[in-house]
Protein backbone atom coordinates (compact mmCIF):
# COMPACT_ATOMS: atom_id res chain seq x y z
CA GLN A 1 18.74 -0.97 6.60
CA VAL A 2 15.04 -1.66 6.52
CA GLN A 3 13.81 -4.30 4.15
CA LEU A 4 10.17 -4.32 3.15
CA VAL A 5 8.20 -7.25 1.77
CA GLU A 6 4.74 -6.77 0.33
CA SER A 7 2.09 -9.47 0.02
CA GLY A 8 -1.62 -9.85 -0.58
CA GLY A 9 -1.90 -8.87 -4.21
CA GLY A 10 -3.81 -10.88 -6.76
CA LEU A 11 -6.62 -10.94 -9.29
CA VAL A 12 -10.03 -9.70 -8.23
CA GLN A 13 -13.23 -8.67 -9.96
CA ALA A 14 -14.36 -5.07 -9.97
CA GLY A 15 -16.14 -4.28 -6.73
CA GLY A 16 -14.04 -6.76 -4.79
CA SER A 17 -11.54 -6.28 -1.99
CA LEU A 18 -7.92 -7.03 -1.23
CA ASN A 19 -5.79 -6.44 1.85
CA LEU A 20 -2.12 -5.76 1.21
CA SER A 21 0.53 -6.24 3.87
CA CYS A 22 4.02 -4.84 4.12
CA ALA A 23 6.34 -6.52 6.60
CA ALA A 24 9.44 -4.63 7.74
CA SER A 25 12.68 -6.30 8.65
CA ARG A 26 13.26 -4.12 11.69
CA SER A 27 11.41 -1.53 13.67
CA ILE A 28 9.50 0.90 11.48
CA PHE A 29 8.55 2.99 14.45
CA THR A 30 11.52 5.30 13.89
CA PHE A 31 10.20 6.37 10.50
CA ASN A 32 7.92 9.33 10.49
CA ALA A 33 5.66 7.91 7.86
CA MET A 34 5.00 4.78 5.89
CA ALA A 35 3.50 4.93 2.44
CA TRP A 36 1.88 2.87 -0.28
CA TYR A 37 2.59 3.75 -3.90
CA ARG A 38 1.39 2.18 -7.11
CA GLN A 39 2.53 2.17 -10.69
CA ALA A 40 0.51 1.02 -13.66
CA PRO A 41 2.11 0.16 -17.00
CA GLY A 42 2.99 3.29 -18.93
CA LYS A 43 2.03 5.57 -16.05
CA HIS A 44 3.94 7.53 -13.44
CA ARG A 45 4.21 6.23 -9.91
CA GLU A 46 1.33 7.47 -7.75
CA LEU A 47 1.32 8.02 -4.01
CA VAL A 48 -1.74 6.16 -2.75
CA ALA A 49 -1.70 6.60 1.02
CA THR A 50 0.54 7.58 3.93
CA ILE A 51 0.42 7.01 7.67
CA THR A 52 2.58 8.70 10.31
CA SER A 53 3.95 7.07 13.44
CA GLY A 54 1.09 8.74 15.29
CA GLY A 55 -1.49 7.22 12.99
CA SER A 56 -2.42 10.25 10.90
CA THR A 57 -3.39 9.26 7.38
CA ASN A 58 -3.62 10.83 3.95
CA TYR A 59 -5.00 9.44 0.71
CA ALA A 60 -4.94 10.18 -2.97
CA ASP A 61 -8.25 11.56 -4.15
CA SER A 62 -8.65 8.55 -6.43
CA VAL A 63 -8.84 6.13 -3.47
CA LYS A 64 -10.47 8.20 -0.72
CA GLY A 65 -13.38 6.37 0.84
CA ARG A 66 -12.31 3.04 -0.65
CA PHE A 67 -8.81 2.36 0.71
CA THR A 68 -7.63 2.33 4.33
CA ILE A 69 -4.01 2.40 5.47
CA SER A 70 -3.09 1.15 8.93
CA ARG A 71 0.00 0.07 10.83
CA ASP A 72 0.84 -2.35 13.60
CA ASN A 73 4.19 -1.28 15.05
CA ALA A 74 4.42 -4.35 17.29
CA LYS A 75 4.19 -6.55 14.21
CA MET A 76 6.30 -4.11 12.13
CA THR A 77 3.63 -4.28 9.45
CA VAL A 78 1.70 -1.75 7.40
CA TYR A 79 -1.57 -2.65 5.71
CA LEU A 80 -3.65 -1.32 2.83
CA GLN A 81 -7.26 -2.46 2.85
CA MET A 82 -8.70 -1.90 -0.61
CA ASN A 83 -12.47 -2.06 -1.13
CA SER A 84 -14.73 -1.36 -4.11
CA LEU A 85 -11.84 -2.01 -6.44
CA LYS A 86 -11.96 -0.66 -9.99
CA PRO A 87 -10.08 -1.74 -13.12
CA GLU A 88 -8.13 1.52 -12.94
CA ASP A 89 -6.69 0.35 -9.60
CA THR A 90 -4.68 -2.26 -11.50
CA ALA A 91 -0.99 -1.66 -10.79
CA VAL A 92 2.04 -2.88 -8.90
CA TYR A 93 1.70 -1.68 -5.32
CA TYR A 94 4.78 -0.80 -3.28
CA CYS A 95 5.26 0.15 0.32
CA ALA A 96 7.96 2.57 1.37
CA ALA A 97 9.72 3.63 4.54
CA GLY A 98 11.90 6.67 4.13
CA VAL A 99 13.89 6.05 0.94
CA VAL A 100 13.48 2.28 1.09
CA ARG A 101 10.92 0.59 -1.13
CA GLY A 102 9.78 -3.00 -1.36
CA GLN A 103 9.67 -5.16 -4.47
CA GLY A 104 5.96 -4.67 -4.94
CA THR A 105 2.88 -6.84 -5.30
CA GLN A 106 0.68 -7.00 -8.39
CA VAL A 107 -2.98 -6.06 -8.11
CA THR A 108 -5.18 -6.78 -11.11
CA VAL A 109 -8.84 -5.80 -11.18
CA SER A 110 -10.95 -7.29 -13.95
CA SER A 111 -14.06 -5.59 -15.29
């Protein structure tokens, strides 16, 4: 079973940037898509971005133009580059492969 470990979260001021990483315990190449989700307190989980094994990407409207998802299959790692961060981006961010989800990393954006 794949295990996923996120890192790179933290506290940043509005307008700042963070780069999240998600390291997989074994090859992620077999999965059709990898995804980043987020969940803020009191809110439903939101799909932020997806990337297929071929590199095709999709984004939530709320992050288009600001976030970039990428993957390095050799390193078994998926990334989420987050720019122009807003306070409403504050949430726990999770990566997912198939039905497996990591423990999450906290992102807090101060105004």
